[in-house]
């Protein structure tokens, strides 16, 4: 199999070893079934489905599937007679059922267990009020898995394409407990298997011969030295790493470097920085003030102050996501225009940009870029509208407590999306599901659009509903999309086959797409 984007006539080096600089520290584990934030290796695992580079669900361990006419019963047909686990065990439908039950148990404490709540009985199991056997998922036979939902959900296919629903190897979990993914114990079902793990030093992976598409891999080994971020560039210059993430302080120098500059690549993250005016706090209870604030933010200036580690945002979901909206009609609703901003204030107590009450912008302490961006947004509101904005940056726990008090007029927040399905972002932020979320704005019209979209199985009509919702959100300035986070990487010229989405963005981080190593091959590495 020739990886997409690689020239078929180019000879492949005999030794296909990829030296990966992804790990700045040891993972907690590789147990995504229990801990989505474990920091482990995603390509050890495979679910029923996975995502294409364009974030569309496609077959993985499930070859085919169908949904009943009422939209609530999904049946998945696994690849039969397999030896999919890396120790040669068969991967069966029962493995998925047991793993989903494990994820839901209160004792597991999986922070993303709610992703399974669309399945009948899941919420009650997680609450500890029902036994695991009541989950509406069952193995009809070794190769057939059936899931019964509480209501039709077009987002279900995305859900079973994510790391949140990959299985764990039951015999290993039951034998070794929390240490079951250590070296010498980890049994995985994805494209790769764990060969070695020297704490603080090195992770080693090789193809899992039992993976159904093992023949599609060209790499013979992945070596991932544990390399602190401030030392990765040194190792890259010495050709000891084939790919590294670039820290912000290094980026300007690398962009000017005649040798390394051409090796820079950037990718858009699965999140959005945005400003959330609190509609219950004066002066943002007036939509005219919110519109003025939206027109007063220069997104291109924000990109400049973080040296290109961001991209101007036009909507809630970033480029590459199926529901990303970048059409001129929506992008124009909140375009940077100081004249339009001041016009919006006419006939308000703040006409001409004066008479403002004290305004607080609340932000979470996350990383230097987030604070740079949030403080510049505050500065732009003062420069362009005369609004005096004080910035309060708090640690995560204090931020959450302050957010619940609803006293700050503006919230600066970076949202992350666990799945590419728009229901995750729009529903969580704007439907009232998350009562501790960043906005007090609510709309019955938006609720109706989101409810209709959730049950709509026709993708075109479904995305159209979310586009309508985006238009409503921006027209009413329920939020102000600012910038999408951008990560920069250095990639050696002999690494080919990097997956690219239809928007042209290389997929270098794990993001939601988790098959970034599968198509890689090494062509022309210099002999040492």
Protein backbone atom coordinates (compact mmCIF):
# COMPACT_ATOMS: atom_id res chain seq x y z
CA UNK A 1 0.00 0.00 0.00
CA UNK A 2 1.39 3.39 -0.97
CA UNK A 3 0.48 6.09 1.60
CA UNK A 4 -1.59 8.99 0.27
CA UNK A 5 0.50 11.89 -0.92
CA UNK A 6 3.73 9.92 -1.27
CA UNK A 7 5.31 9.48 -4.72
CA UNK A 8 4.87 5.80 -5.64
CA UNK A 9 8.09 5.59 -7.66
CA UNK A 10 10.31 6.70 -4.76
CA UNK A 11 12.21 3.77 -3.18
CA UNK A 12 11.48 3.14 0.49
CA UNK A 13 14.42 2.98 2.88
CA UNK A 14 15.09 -0.51 4.20
CA UNK A 15 14.80 0.63 7.80
CA UNK A 16 11.54 2.43 8.45
CA UNK A 17 12.16 3.82 11.94
CA UNK A 18 10.44 7.05 12.93
CA UNK A 19 12.04 9.08 15.72
CA UNK A 20 9.12 10.89 17.31
CA UNK A 21 9.54 13.93 19.55
CA UNK A 22 5.94 13.95 20.77
CA UNK A 23 6.65 13.01 24.35
CA UNK A 24 7.96 15.80 26.60
CA UNK A 25 7.23 13.68 29.67
CA UNK A 26 6.09 10.20 30.60
CA UNK A 27 2.41 9.40 30.13
CA UNK A 28 0.41 8.59 33.23
CA UNK A 29 -0.63 5.40 31.41
CA UNK A 30 -2.01 4.37 28.03
CA UNK A 31 -5.45 3.60 29.46
CA UNK A 32 -7.78 5.88 27.49
CA UNK A 33 -10.73 3.71 28.48
CA UNK A 34 -10.37 4.97 32.05
CA UNK A 35 -8.48 8.24 31.69
CA UNK A 36 -8.81 10.46 28.58
CA UNK A 37 -6.03 12.67 29.92
CA UNK A 38 -3.53 9.87 30.45
CA UNK A 39 -1.16 11.33 27.85
CA UNK A 40 -0.57 7.89 26.36
CA UNK A 41 -0.22 6.65 22.80
CA UNK A 42 -3.50 6.86 20.82
CA UNK A 43 -2.33 4.56 18.04
CA UNK A 44 -2.16 1.62 20.42
CA UNK A 45 -5.95 1.54 20.20
CA UNK A 46 -8.73 1.13 17.67
CA UNK A 47 -12.47 1.44 18.10
CA UNK A 48 -15.46 0.36 16.06
CA UNK A 49 -14.83 3.28 13.70
CA UNK A 50 -12.13 5.88 13.23
CA UNK A 51 -11.87 9.23 11.44
CA UNK A 52 -10.58 10.11 8.01
CA UNK A 53 -8.28 13.17 7.84
CA UNK A 54 -11.44 15.15 7.08
CA UNK A 55 -12.96 13.90 10.36
CA UNK A 56 -15.57 11.69 8.74
CA UNK A 57 -16.28 8.33 10.44
CA UNK A 58 -15.00 5.30 8.55
CA UNK A 59 -14.73 1.55 9.33
CA UNK A 60 -12.13 0.36 11.79
CA UNK A 61 -12.86 -2.85 13.68
CA UNK A 62 -16.48 -2.62 12.54
CA UNK A 63 -16.69 -3.42 8.83
CA UNK A 64 -20.31 -2.39 8.42
CA UNK A 65 -23.18 -1.05 10.50
CA UNK A 66 -26.82 -0.14 10.21
CA UNK A 67 -29.36 1.84 12.19
CA UNK A 68 -32.99 0.89 12.75
CA UNK A 69 -35.76 2.98 11.23
CA UNK A 70 -36.47 4.71 14.56
CA UNK A 71 -32.84 5.86 14.78
CA UNK A 72 -32.25 4.41 18.25
CA UNK A 73 -30.77 0.96 17.60
CA UNK A 74 -27.34 0.69 15.99
CA UNK A 75 -25.82 -2.64 14.98
CA UNK A 76 -22.11 -3.00 14.22
CA UNK A 77 -20.55 -6.00 12.48
CA UNK A 78 -16.96 -6.62 13.55
CA UNK A 79 -14.28 -8.19 11.37
CA UNK A 80 -14.76 -11.89 12.10
CA UNK A 81 -12.25 -14.56 13.11
CA UNK A 82 -9.62 -11.95 13.90
CA UNK A 83 -6.64 -12.07 16.26
CA UNK A 84 -6.81 -8.35 16.82
CA UNK A 85 -5.28 -8.03 20.28
CA UNK A 86 -1.51 -7.73 20.18
CA UNK A 87 -1.11 -10.97 22.18
CA UNK A 88 -3.17 -12.90 19.60
CA UNK A 89 -6.50 -12.86 21.46
CA UNK A 90 -9.62 -12.35 19.41
CA UNK A 91 -11.24 -8.94 19.57
CA UNK A 92 -14.98 -9.50 20.04
CA UNK A 93 -18.14 -7.51 20.57
CA UNK A 94 -18.05 -8.51 24.23
CA UNK A 95 -14.76 -6.61 24.63
CA UNK A 96 -16.50 -3.38 23.69
CA UNK A 97 -19.48 -4.03 25.96
CA UNK A 98 -17.25 -4.80 28.96
CA UNK A 99 -15.03 -1.78 28.29
CA UNK A 100 -17.95 0.63 27.98
CA UNK A 101 -19.37 -0.72 31.24
CA UNK A 102 -15.97 -0.25 32.88
CA UNK A 103 -15.81 3.35 31.69
CA UNK A 104 -19.20 4.11 33.23
CA UNK A 105 -18.56 2.61 36.66
CA UNK A 106 -18.21 5.30 39.35
CA UNK A 107 -15.08 3.53 40.62
CA UNK A 108 -13.36 4.04 37.26
CA UNK A 109 -13.85 7.82 37.55
CA UNK A 110 -13.49 8.36 33.80
CA UNK A 111 -13.90 12.10 33.28
CA UNK A 112 -15.40 11.58 29.80
CA UNK A 113 -17.90 8.87 30.78
CA UNK A 114 -20.76 11.15 29.70
CA UNK A 115 -19.88 10.45 26.07
CA UNK A 116 -21.69 7.13 26.55
CA UNK A 117 -24.83 8.66 28.10
CA UNK A 118 -26.83 8.45 24.83
CA UNK A 119 -26.87 4.66 25.40
CA UNK A 120 -29.77 3.37 27.47
CA UNK A 121 -28.87 2.91 31.13
CA UNK A 122 -25.47 4.59 30.86
CA UNK A 123 -26.25 7.62 33.02
CA UNK A 124 -27.75 5.47 35.78
CA UNK A 125 -24.72 3.18 35.85
CA UNK A 126 -22.44 6.19 36.12
CA UNK A 127 -24.57 7.59 38.94
CA UNK A 128 -24.25 4.29 40.80
CA UNK A 129 -27.99 3.63 40.77
CA UNK A 130 -27.94 0.72 38.30
CA UNK A 131 -25.72 -2.30 37.71
CA UNK A 132 -23.37 -2.46 34.75
CA UNK A 133 -25.45 -5.24 33.22
CA UNK A 134 -28.28 -2.80 32.52
CA UNK A 135 -26.31 -0.95 29.83
CA UNK A 136 -28.14 -0.89 26.52
CA UNK A 137 -25.22 -2.42 24.65
CA UNK A 138 -24.92 -6.13 24.03
CA UNK A 139 -22.94 -8.69 22.07
CA UNK A 140 -25.45 -10.55 19.88
CA UNK A 141 -22.58 -12.88 19.00
CA UNK A 142 -18.78 -12.61 18.89
CA UNK A 143 -18.85 -10.31 15.88
CA UNK A 144 -22.07 -8.32 16.33
CA UNK A 145 -22.49 -5.43 18.73
CA UNK A 146 -25.81 -3.71 19.28
CA UNK A 147 -26.28 -0.36 21.02
CA UNK A 148 -29.71 0.92 22.02
CA UNK A 149 -29.98 4.69 22.49
CA UNK A 150 -32.43 6.69 24.56
CA UNK A 151 -33.19 8.89 21.53
CA UNK A 152 -32.07 9.18 17.90
CA UNK A 153 -28.60 10.73 17.70
CA UNK A 154 -26.72 11.51 14.53
CA UNK A 155 -23.67 12.19 16.72
CA UNK A 156 -23.41 8.53 17.74
CA UNK A 157 -21.13 7.55 14.85
CA UNK A 158 -18.70 10.29 15.81
CA UNK A 159 -18.81 9.08 19.39
CA UNK A 160 -17.77 5.54 18.47
CA UNK A 161 -14.97 6.94 16.29
CA UNK A 162 -13.16 8.62 19.20
CA UNK A 163 -10.64 7.43 21.76
CA UNK A 164 -13.40 7.71 24.37
CA UNK A 165 -14.94 4.43 23.20
CA UNK A 166 -11.89 2.27 22.45
CA UNK A 167 -11.77 -1.01 24.38
CA UNK A 168 -9.48 -2.19 27.14
CA UNK A 169 -8.08 -5.74 27.32
CA UNK A 170 -10.15 -7.34 30.06
CA UNK A 171 -7.74 -10.15 31.09
CA UNK A 172 -4.90 -7.64 31.47
CA UNK A 173 -7.03 -5.19 33.47
CA UNK A 174 -8.23 -7.95 35.76
CA UNK A 175 -4.72 -9.33 36.27
CA UNK A 176 -2.69 -6.13 36.65
CA UNK A 177 -5.19 -3.47 37.67
CA UNK A 178 -4.08 0.13 37.17
CA UNK A 179 -0.65 -0.96 35.88
CA UNK A 180 -1.99 -3.01 32.98
CA UNK A 181 -0.55 -0.69 30.29
CA UNK A 182 3.03 -0.85 31.54
CA UNK A 183 5.75 -2.33 29.31
CA UNK A 184 5.51 -6.10 29.13
CA UNK A 185 1.84 -6.00 30.17
CA UNK A 186 0.10 -3.76 27.67
CA UNK A 187 -2.12 -5.67 25.22
CA UNK A 188 -3.52 -3.33 22.57
CA UNK A 189 -5.77 -3.63 19.52
CA UNK A 190 -4.65 -0.69 17.36
CA UNK A 191 -2.10 -0.28 14.56
CA UNK A 192 0.81 -0.29 17.02
CA UNK A 193 1.86 -2.22 20.10
CA UNK A 194 4.02 -1.14 23.04
CA UNK A 195 7.46 -2.78 22.89
CA UNK A 196 9.25 -0.88 25.62
CA UNK A 197 8.86 1.91 28.15
CA UNK A 198 11.87 3.13 30.06
CA UNK A 199 10.44 5.71 32.41
CA UNK A 200 11.84 9.15 31.75
CA UNK A 201 13.86 7.88 28.81
CA UNK A 202 12.12 6.14 25.93
CA UNK A 203 8.89 4.69 24.53
CA UNK A 204 9.09 2.12 21.71
CA UNK A 205 6.29 0.96 19.42
CA UNK A 206 6.04 -1.43 16.49
CA UNK A 207 3.19 -2.58 14.24
CA UNK A 208 0.60 -4.81 15.89
CA UNK A 209 0.52 -7.89 13.62
CA UNK A 210 -3.07 -8.60 14.66
CA UNK A 211 -4.44 -5.25 13.55
CA UNK A 212 -6.78 -5.77 10.62
CA UNK A 213 -4.89 -3.24 8.45
CA UNK A 214 -1.37 -4.09 9.61
CA UNK A 215 -0.35 -4.49 5.96
CA UNK A 216 -1.06 -0.81 5.45
CA UNK A 217 1.82 0.27 7.68
CA UNK A 218 5.25 1.04 6.28
CA UNK A 219 6.99 2.00 9.53
CA UNK A 220 8.71 -0.89 11.25
CA UNK A 221 9.29 0.91 14.53
CA UNK A 222 8.60 4.17 16.35
CA UNK A 223 11.20 5.41 18.83
CA UNK A 224 9.85 8.15 21.09
CA UNK A 225 12.51 9.50 23.46
CA UNK A 226 11.14 11.38 26.46
CA UNK A 227 12.46 14.82 25.51
CA UNK A 228 11.63 17.99 27.48
CA UNK A 229 10.30 20.72 25.19
CA UNK A 230 13.29 22.99 25.80
CA UNK A 231 15.69 20.27 24.63
CA UNK A 232 13.79 18.94 21.64
CA UNK A 233 15.27 21.44 19.17
CA UNK A 234 18.81 20.42 20.07
CA UNK A 235 17.97 16.76 19.41
CA UNK A 236 16.25 17.70 16.15
CA UNK A 237 19.30 19.62 14.92
CA UNK A 238 21.40 16.52 15.66
CA UNK A 239 19.01 14.39 13.53
CA UNK A 240 18.03 12.37 16.60
CA UNK A 241 14.36 13.29 16.19
CA UNK A 242 12.34 13.35 12.97
CA UNK A 243 9.51 15.55 14.23
CA UNK A 244 9.09 17.93 17.16
CA UNK A 245 6.68 20.55 18.38
CA UNK A 246 8.05 24.08 18.35
CA UNK A 247 7.84 26.17 21.52
CA UNK A 248 6.75 29.76 21.09
CA UNK A 249 10.08 31.39 21.97
CA UNK A 250 11.85 29.39 19.23
CA UNK A 251 9.39 30.12 16.42
CA UNK A 252 10.58 33.56 15.19
CA UNK A 253 14.20 32.39 14.94
CA UNK A 254 13.22 29.21 13.12
CA UNK A 255 11.07 31.13 10.63
CA UNK A 256 14.18 33.13 9.69
CA UNK A 257 16.48 30.08 9.57
CA UNK A 258 17.35 29.23 5.92
CA UNK A 259 17.74 25.52 6.70
CA UNK A 260 15.05 24.83 9.29
CA UNK A 261 12.51 27.41 8.12
CA UNK A 262 11.41 25.28 5.13
CA UNK A 263 10.90 22.33 7.51
CA UNK A 264 8.29 24.19 9.59
CA UNK A 265 4.69 22.97 9.42
CA UNK A 266 1.61 24.28 11.20
CA UNK A 267 -1.67 22.67 12.15
CA UNK A 268 -4.91 24.06 13.59
CA UNK A 269 -5.96 22.74 16.97
CA UNK A 270 -9.37 21.39 17.92
CA UNK A 271 -10.38 24.44 19.88
CA UNK A 272 -11.33 28.10 19.77
CA UNK A 273 -10.43 31.16 21.81
CA UNK A 274 -13.51 33.30 22.24
CA UNK A 275 -14.95 36.18 24.23
CA UNK A 276 -18.24 35.57 26.04
CA UNK A 277 -20.17 38.72 27.08
CA UNK A 278 -22.37 38.04 30.09
CA UNK A 279 -25.86 39.12 29.11
CA UNK A 280 -26.93 39.44 32.77
CA UNK A 281 -24.15 41.94 33.58
CA UNK A 282 -24.33 45.63 32.62
CA UNK A 283 -23.49 46.92 29.99
CA UNK A 284 -23.56 43.60 28.07
CA UNK A 285 -27.26 43.13 28.72
CA UNK A 286 -27.64 45.48 25.71
CA UNK A 287 -27.11 43.70 22.38
CA UNK A 288 -25.90 46.98 20.85
CA UNK A 289 -22.98 47.03 23.28
CA UNK A 290 -22.20 43.41 22.51
CA UNK A 291 -22.16 44.20 18.78
CA UNK A 292 -19.85 47.14 19.37
CA UNK A 293 -17.47 44.90 21.31
CA UNK A 294 -17.50 42.30 18.54
CA UNK A 295 -16.60 44.88 15.88
CA UNK A 296 -13.83 46.30 18.08
CA UNK A 297 -11.65 43.16 18.06
CA UNK A 298 -8.94 42.93 15.38
CA UNK A 299 -8.27 39.23 14.98
CA UNK A 300 -5.28 39.74 12.70
CA UNK A 301 -3.60 41.78 15.43
CA UNK A 302 -4.17 38.88 17.82
CA UNK A 303 -2.40 36.55 15.39
CA UNK A 304 0.54 38.94 15.22
CA UNK A 305 1.04 39.23 18.97
CA UNK A 306 1.46 35.46 19.27
CA UNK A 307 3.77 35.29 16.24
CA UNK A 308 1.40 33.22 14.12
CA UNK A 309 0.44 30.69 16.78
CA UNK A 310 -3.21 31.41 16.02
CA UNK A 311 -5.57 31.84 13.08
CA UNK A 312 -8.45 34.37 12.82
CA UNK A 313 -11.70 32.68 13.83
CA UNK A 314 -14.97 33.07 11.96
CA UNK A 315 -17.12 30.58 13.89
CA UNK A 316 -17.13 28.17 16.81
CA UNK A 317 -15.53 25.15 15.14
CA UNK A 318 -12.08 25.35 13.51
CA UNK A 319 -11.16 24.63 9.87
CA UNK A 320 -11.13 20.92 9.14
CA UNK A 321 -14.23 20.26 11.26
CA UNK A 322 -17.29 19.30 9.17
CA UNK A 323 -19.41 22.06 10.73
CA UNK A 324 -16.82 24.83 10.38
CA UNK A 325 -18.52 27.95 9.03
CA UNK A 326 -16.44 30.48 7.13
CA UNK A 327 -18.97 31.92 4.71
CA UNK A 328 -18.78 35.69 4.05
CA UNK A 329 -22.27 36.35 5.40
CA UNK A 330 -21.39 34.96 8.82
CA UNK A 331 -17.78 36.19 8.84
CA UNK A 332 -19.09 39.71 8.20
CA UNK A 333 -21.40 39.78 11.20
CA UNK A 334 -18.54 40.51 13.60
CA UNK A 335 -15.81 41.78 11.28
CA UNK A 336 -13.30 44.26 12.69
CA UNK A 337 -14.69 47.73 11.96
CA UNK A 338 -14.22 50.50 14.51
CA UNK A 339 -16.68 52.73 12.65
CA UNK A 340 -19.37 50.03 12.83
CA UNK A 341 -18.54 49.51 16.50
CA UNK A 342 -19.10 53.17 17.34
CA UNK A 343 -22.23 53.29 15.18
CA UNK A 344 -23.66 50.43 17.23
CA UNK A 345 -23.34 52.58 20.37
CA UNK A 346 -25.51 55.40 19.04
CA UNK A 347 -28.65 55.93 21.11
CA UNK A 348 -27.09 54.05 24.03
CA UNK A 349 -25.73 55.66 27.23
CA UNK A 350 -22.25 54.91 25.84
CA UNK A 351 -22.52 56.84 22.57
CA UNK A 352 -19.12 58.03 21.38
CA UNK A 353 -17.31 55.55 23.60
CA UNK A 354 -17.77 56.99 27.08
CA UNK A 355 -19.73 56.74 30.34
CA UNK A 356 -18.79 53.07 30.77
CA UNK A 357 -19.30 51.25 34.06
CA UNK A 358 -16.34 49.21 35.40
CA UNK A 359 -15.82 46.09 33.27
CA UNK A 360 -13.94 42.94 34.32
CA UNK A 361 -12.56 40.38 31.88
CA UNK A 362 -12.14 37.03 33.62
CA UNK A 363 -9.73 34.42 32.26
CA UNK A 364 -8.31 31.07 33.28
CA UNK A 365 -4.54 30.79 33.74
CA UNK A 366 -3.62 28.30 31.01
CA UNK A 367 -0.57 29.23 29.01
CA UNK A 368 1.30 32.40 27.98
CA UNK A 369 -0.54 32.69 24.66
CA UNK A 370 -3.94 32.64 26.30
CA UNK A 371 -3.03 35.49 28.62
CA UNK A 372 -1.37 37.50 25.85
CA UNK A 373 -4.48 37.18 23.72
CA UNK A 374 -6.96 37.93 26.49
CA UNK A 375 -5.08 41.02 27.65
CA UNK A 376 -4.85 42.33 24.11
CA UNK A 377 -8.60 41.89 23.63
CA UNK A 378 -9.08 44.02 26.74
CA UNK A 379 -6.63 46.61 25.36
CA UNK A 380 -8.45 46.74 22.03
CA UNK A 381 -11.79 47.38 23.72
CA UNK A 382 -10.22 50.31 25.54
CA UNK A 383 -8.44 51.66 22.45
CA UNK A 384 -11.43 51.36 20.11
CA UNK A 385 -14.40 51.93 22.41
CA UNK A 386 -12.97 53.79 25.41
CA UNK A 387 -14.09 50.88 27.61
CA UNK A 388 -11.85 50.49 30.67
CA UNK A 389 -11.42 46.75 31.16
CA UNK A 390 -9.62 45.22 34.14
CA UNK A 391 -8.26 41.71 33.60
CA UNK A 392 -8.45 39.01 36.27
CA UNK A 393 -6.50 35.80 35.57
CA UNK A 394 -7.19 32.96 38.01
CA UNK A 395 -6.00 29.38 38.47
CA UNK A 396 -8.50 26.80 37.11
CA UNK A 397 -10.26 26.12 40.43
CA UNK A 398 -10.61 29.81 41.30
CA UNK A 399 -11.70 30.60 37.74
CA UNK A 400 -14.49 28.01 37.89
CA UNK A 401 -15.68 29.41 41.22
CA UNK A 402 -15.66 32.98 39.91
CA UNK A 403 -17.46 31.93 36.74
CA UNK A 404 -20.32 30.48 38.78
CA UNK A 405 -20.76 33.83 40.56
CA UNK A 406 -21.57 35.53 37.21
CA UNK A 407 -20.15 38.92 38.23
CA UNK A 408 -17.59 39.50 35.46
CA UNK A 409 -18.96 41.15 32.34
CA UNK A 410 -16.58 39.35 29.95
CA UNK A 411 -15.21 35.81 29.95
CA UNK A 412 -12.12 34.92 27.89
CA UNK A 413 -11.97 31.19 27.30
CA UNK A 414 -10.43 28.57 25.07
CA UNK A 415 -12.85 25.73 24.39
CA UNK A 416 -11.65 22.24 23.40
CA UNK A 417 -13.80 19.75 21.53
CA UNK A 418 -13.68 16.05 22.32
CA UNK A 419 -15.35 15.08 19.05
CA UNK A 420 -15.72 16.81 15.66
CA UNK A 421 -19.48 16.59 15.92
CA UNK A 422 -20.99 20.08 16.39
CA UNK A 423 -23.34 18.78 19.07
CA UNK A 424 -20.38 18.64 21.43
CA UNK A 425 -19.49 22.32 21.12
CA UNK A 426 -22.83 24.02 20.51
CA UNK A 427 -24.78 21.86 22.92
CA UNK A 428 -22.27 22.15 25.74
CA UNK A 429 -21.69 25.89 25.46
CA UNK A 430 -25.09 27.27 24.52
CA UNK A 431 -27.92 24.87 25.36
CA UNK A 432 -27.79 25.16 29.13
CA UNK A 433 -26.52 21.60 29.54
CA UNK A 434 -23.41 22.96 31.21
CA UNK A 435 -24.88 25.28 33.85
CA UNK A 436 -21.38 26.37 34.85
CA UNK A 437 -20.52 27.27 31.25
CA UNK A 438 -19.14 30.58 30.03
CA UNK A 439 -22.40 32.29 29.02
CA UNK A 440 -25.75 33.18 30.51
CA UNK A 441 -27.27 33.84 27.07
CA UNK A 442 -30.13 31.53 26.15
CA UNK A 443 -32.50 31.33 23.18
CA UNK A 444 -35.54 29.16 22.58
CA UNK A 445 -34.88 29.48 18.83
CA UNK A 446 -31.36 28.14 19.25
CA UNK A 447 -32.58 25.33 21.49
CA UNK A 448 -35.02 24.27 18.77
CA UNK A 449 -32.29 24.34 16.11
CA UNK A 450 -29.91 22.27 18.26
CA UNK A 451 -32.60 19.75 19.18
CA UNK A 452 -33.59 19.34 15.55
CA UNK A 453 -29.97 18.96 14.46
CA UNK A 454 -29.22 16.30 17.05
CA UNK A 455 -31.85 13.95 15.65
CA UNK A 456 -31.29 14.81 11.97
CA UNK A 457 -29.56 11.95 10.14
CA UNK A 458 -29.17 13.74 6.79
CA UNK A 459 -25.74 15.38 7.07
CA UNK A 460 -26.47 18.26 4.71
CA UNK A 461 -29.64 19.28 6.52
CA UNK A 462 -27.97 18.76 9.87
CA UNK A 463 -25.03 21.03 9.10
CA UNK A 464 -27.43 23.62 7.69
CA UNK A 465 -29.17 23.76 11.08
CA UNK A 466 -25.87 24.38 12.84
CA UNK A 467 -25.02 27.11 10.34
CA UNK A 468 -28.37 28.75 11.18
CA UNK A 469 -27.48 28.45 14.84
CA UNK A 470 -24.09 30.05 14.24
CA UNK A 471 -25.77 32.96 12.45
CA UNK A 472 -28.13 33.47 15.39
CA UNK A 473 -25.31 33.31 17.94
CA UNK A 474 -23.23 35.90 16.11
CA UNK A 475 -26.17 38.16 15.28
CA UNK A 476 -27.06 38.30 18.98
CA UNK A 477 -23.37 38.28 19.97
CA UNK A 478 -23.77 35.44 22.41
CA UNK A 479 -20.04 35.06 21.89
CA UNK A 480 -17.22 36.59 19.86
CA UNK A 481 -15.04 34.04 18.03
CA UNK A 482 -11.49 35.37 18.18
CA UNK A 483 -8.78 32.95 17.05
CA UNK A 484 -8.11 29.26 16.62
CA UNK A 485 -4.94 27.89 18.26
CA UNK A 486 -2.19 26.91 15.84
CA UNK A 487 0.71 24.58 16.69
CA UNK A 488 4.00 24.62 14.81
CA UNK A 489 6.20 21.61 14.12
CA UNK A 490 9.52 20.79 12.57
CA UNK A 491 9.44 17.76 10.28
CA UNK A 492 12.50 16.27 8.59
CA UNK A 493 12.39 16.26 4.78
CA UNK A 494 12.73 12.47 4.68
CA UNK A 495 9.42 11.99 6.54
CA UNK A 496 6.74 11.60 3.88
CA UNK A 497 3.05 10.72 3.84
CA UNK A 498 1.93 13.14 6.57
CA UNK A 499 -1.90 13.11 6.46
CA UNK A 500 -3.51 16.34 5.24
CA UNK A 501 -7.16 17.38 5.46
CA UNK A 502 -9.15 18.82 2.58
CA UNK A 503 -8.44 22.36 3.79
CA UNK A 504 -4.73 21.69 3.32
CA UNK A 505 -3.78 21.50 6.99
CA UNK A 506 -1.27 18.76 7.90
CA UNK A 507 -2.42 16.61 10.83
CA UNK A 508 0.68 16.58 13.00
CA UNK A 509 -0.94 16.57 16.42
CA UNK A 510 -3.29 13.85 17.60
CA UNK A 511 -6.26 16.23 17.62
CA UNK A 512 -9.38 14.08 17.08
CA UNK A 513 -7.77 12.27 14.15
CA UNK A 514 -5.51 9.58 15.63
CA UNK A 515 -3.91 7.87 12.64
CA UNK A 516 -1.11 10.32 11.95
CA UNK A 517 1.68 7.69 11.97
CA UNK A 518 -0.04 5.03 9.92
CA UNK A 519 0.66 6.57 6.48
CA UNK A 520 4.21 7.72 7.27
CA UNK A 521 7.29 6.38 5.54
CA UNK A 522 10.95 7.34 5.56
CA UNK A 523 12.49 8.22 2.21
CA UNK A 524 16.09 9.36 1.83
CA UNK A 525 17.26 9.57 5.43
CA UNK A 526 21.02 10.32 5.36
CA UNK A 527 23.23 7.40 6.36
CA UNK A 528 24.88 7.97 9.73
